[in-house]
């Protein structure tokens, strides 16, 4: 099913955008931060753990790339 979606031109275009925006975040969290699996087991706690990892990722981006433009 997924391969069929990427075989059409629109699917390739959408997937190429994902590769540049979403996948690097997951790669950073997995390889650099060690998030290979969640250590908590309740949905609310897993959500809180995920949000903390995302917050760390975003703070790191601000610290290394400069201030956020409004």
C-alpha atoms as a PDB file:
ATOM      1  CA  UNK A   1       0.000   0.000   0.000  1.00  0.00           C
ATOM      2  CA  UNK A   2       2.719   2.497   0.975  1.00  0.00           C
ATOM      3  CA  UNK A   3       4.774   1.686  -2.113  1.00  0.00           C
ATOM      4  CA  UNK A   4       1.735   2.258  -4.330  1.00  0.00           C
ATOM      5  CA  UNK A   5       1.358   5.768  -2.864  1.00  0.00           C
ATOM      6  CA  UNK A   6       4.991   6.621  -3.588  1.00  0.00           C
ATOM      7  CA  UNK A   7       4.795   5.296  -7.144  1.00  0.00           C
ATOM      8  CA  UNK A   8       2.590   8.170  -8.307  1.00  0.00           C
ATOM      9  CA  UNK A   9       4.118  11.633  -8.887  1.00  0.00           C
ATOM     10  CA  UNK A  10       2.096  13.356  -6.138  1.00  0.00           C
ATOM     11  CA  UNK A  11       3.064  10.653  -3.656  1.00  0.00           C
ATOM     12  CA  UNK A  12       6.761  11.069  -4.498  1.00  0.00           C
ATOM     13  CA  UNK A  13       6.446  14.838  -4.022  1.00  0.00           C
ATOM     14  CA  UNK A  14       4.770  14.482  -0.614  1.00  0.00           C
ATOM     15  CA  UNK A  15       7.269  11.835   0.539  1.00  0.00           C
ATOM     16  CA  UNK A  16      10.229  13.970  -0.528  1.00  0.00           C
ATOM     17  CA  UNK A  17       8.911  16.816   1.641  1.00  0.00           C
ATOM     18  CA  UNK A  18       8.601  14.414   4.593  1.00  0.00           C
ATOM     19  CA  UNK A  19      12.213  13.308   4.161  1.00  0.00           C
ATOM     20  CA  UNK A  20      13.399  16.872   4.605  1.00  0.00           C
ATOM     21  CA  UNK A  21      11.146  17.934   7.469  1.00  0.00           C
ATOM     22  CA  UNK A  22      10.052  15.006   9.641  1.00  0.00           C
ATOM     23  CA  UNK A  23      12.611  12.235   9.275  1.00  0.00           C
ATOM     24  CA  UNK A  24      15.629  14.241  10.534  1.00  0.00           C
ATOM     25  CA  UNK A  25      13.774  14.911  13.795  1.00  0.00           C
ATOM     26  CA  UNK A  26      13.111  11.214  14.371  1.00  0.00           C
ATOM     27  CA  UNK A  27      16.701  10.386  13.418  1.00  0.00           C
ATOM     28  CA  UNK A  28      18.060  12.936  15.894  1.00  0.00           C
ATOM     29  CA  UNK A  29      15.830  11.711  18.702  1.00  0.00           C
ATOM     30  CA  UNK A  30      16.707   8.090  18.043  1.00  0.00           C
ATOM     31  CA  UNK A  31      20.453   8.261  17.434  1.00  0.00           C
ATOM     32  CA  UNK A  32      21.558  11.318  19.416  1.00  0.00           C
ATOM     33  CA  UNK A  33      19.054  11.283  22.278  1.00  0.00           C
ATOM     34  CA  UNK A  34      18.678   7.516  22.612  1.00  0.00           C
ATOM     35  CA  UNK A  35      14.898   7.412  22.162  1.00  0.00           C
ATOM     36  CA  UNK A  36      14.604   3.918  20.741  1.00  0.00           C
ATOM     37  CA  UNK A  37      11.590   3.081  22.898  1.00  0.00           C
ATOM     38  CA  UNK A  38       9.565   4.749  25.584  1.00  0.00           C
ATOM     39  CA  UNK A  39      10.410   3.861  29.165  1.00  0.00           C
ATOM     40  CA  UNK A  40       6.905   4.556  30.480  1.00  0.00           C
ATOM     41  CA  UNK A  41       3.780   2.500  29.852  1.00  0.00           C
ATOM     42  CA  UNK A  42       0.676   4.643  30.429  1.00  0.00           C
ATOM     43  CA  UNK A  43      -0.528   6.721  27.472  1.00  0.00           C
ATOM     44  CA  UNK A  44      -0.474  10.012  29.400  1.00  0.00           C
ATOM     45  CA  UNK A  45       3.056   9.344  30.666  1.00  0.00           C
ATOM     46  CA  UNK A  46       4.297   8.307  27.216  1.00  0.00           C
ATOM     47  CA  UNK A  47       2.796  11.500  25.792  1.00  0.00           C
ATOM     48  CA  UNK A  48       4.583  13.564  28.454  1.00  0.00           C
ATOM     49  CA  UNK A  49       7.862  11.790  27.711  1.00  0.00           C
ATOM     50  CA  UNK A  50       7.417  12.420  23.964  1.00  0.00           C
ATOM     51  CA  UNK A  51       6.688  16.112  24.577  1.00  0.00           C
ATOM     52  CA  UNK A  52       9.821  16.431  26.721  1.00  0.00           C
ATOM     53  CA  UNK A  53      11.968  14.928  23.957  1.00  0.00           C
ATOM     54  CA  UNK A  54      10.369  17.290  21.433  1.00  0.00           C
ATOM     55  CA  UNK A  55      10.971  20.250  23.728  1.00  0.00           C
ATOM     56  CA  UNK A  56      14.651  19.314  24.103  1.00  0.00           C
ATOM     57  CA  UNK A  57      14.956  18.979  20.321  1.00  0.00           C
ATOM     58  CA  UNK A  58      13.398  22.419  19.750  1.00  0.00           C
ATOM     59  CA  UNK A  59      15.485  24.127  22.443  1.00  0.00           C
ATOM     60  CA  UNK A  60      18.605  22.616  20.897  1.00  0.00           C
ATOM     61  CA  UNK A  61      17.599  23.952  17.484  1.00  0.00           C
ATOM     62  CA  UNK A  62      17.111  27.449  18.889  1.00  0.00           C
ATOM     63  CA  UNK A  63      20.451  27.297  20.715  1.00  0.00           C
ATOM     64  CA  UNK A  64      22.406  26.168  17.649  1.00  0.00           C
ATOM     65  CA  UNK A  65      20.607  28.051  14.871  1.00  0.00           C
ATOM     66  CA  UNK A  66      19.807  31.346  16.567  1.00  0.00           C
ATOM     67  CA  UNK A  67      16.682  33.105  17.688  1.00  0.00           C
ATOM     68  CA  UNK A  68      13.192  32.303  16.448  1.00  0.00           C
ATOM     69  CA  UNK A  69      11.879  34.902  13.986  1.00  0.00           C
ATOM     70  CA  UNK A  70       8.275  36.100  14.464  1.00  0.00           C
END
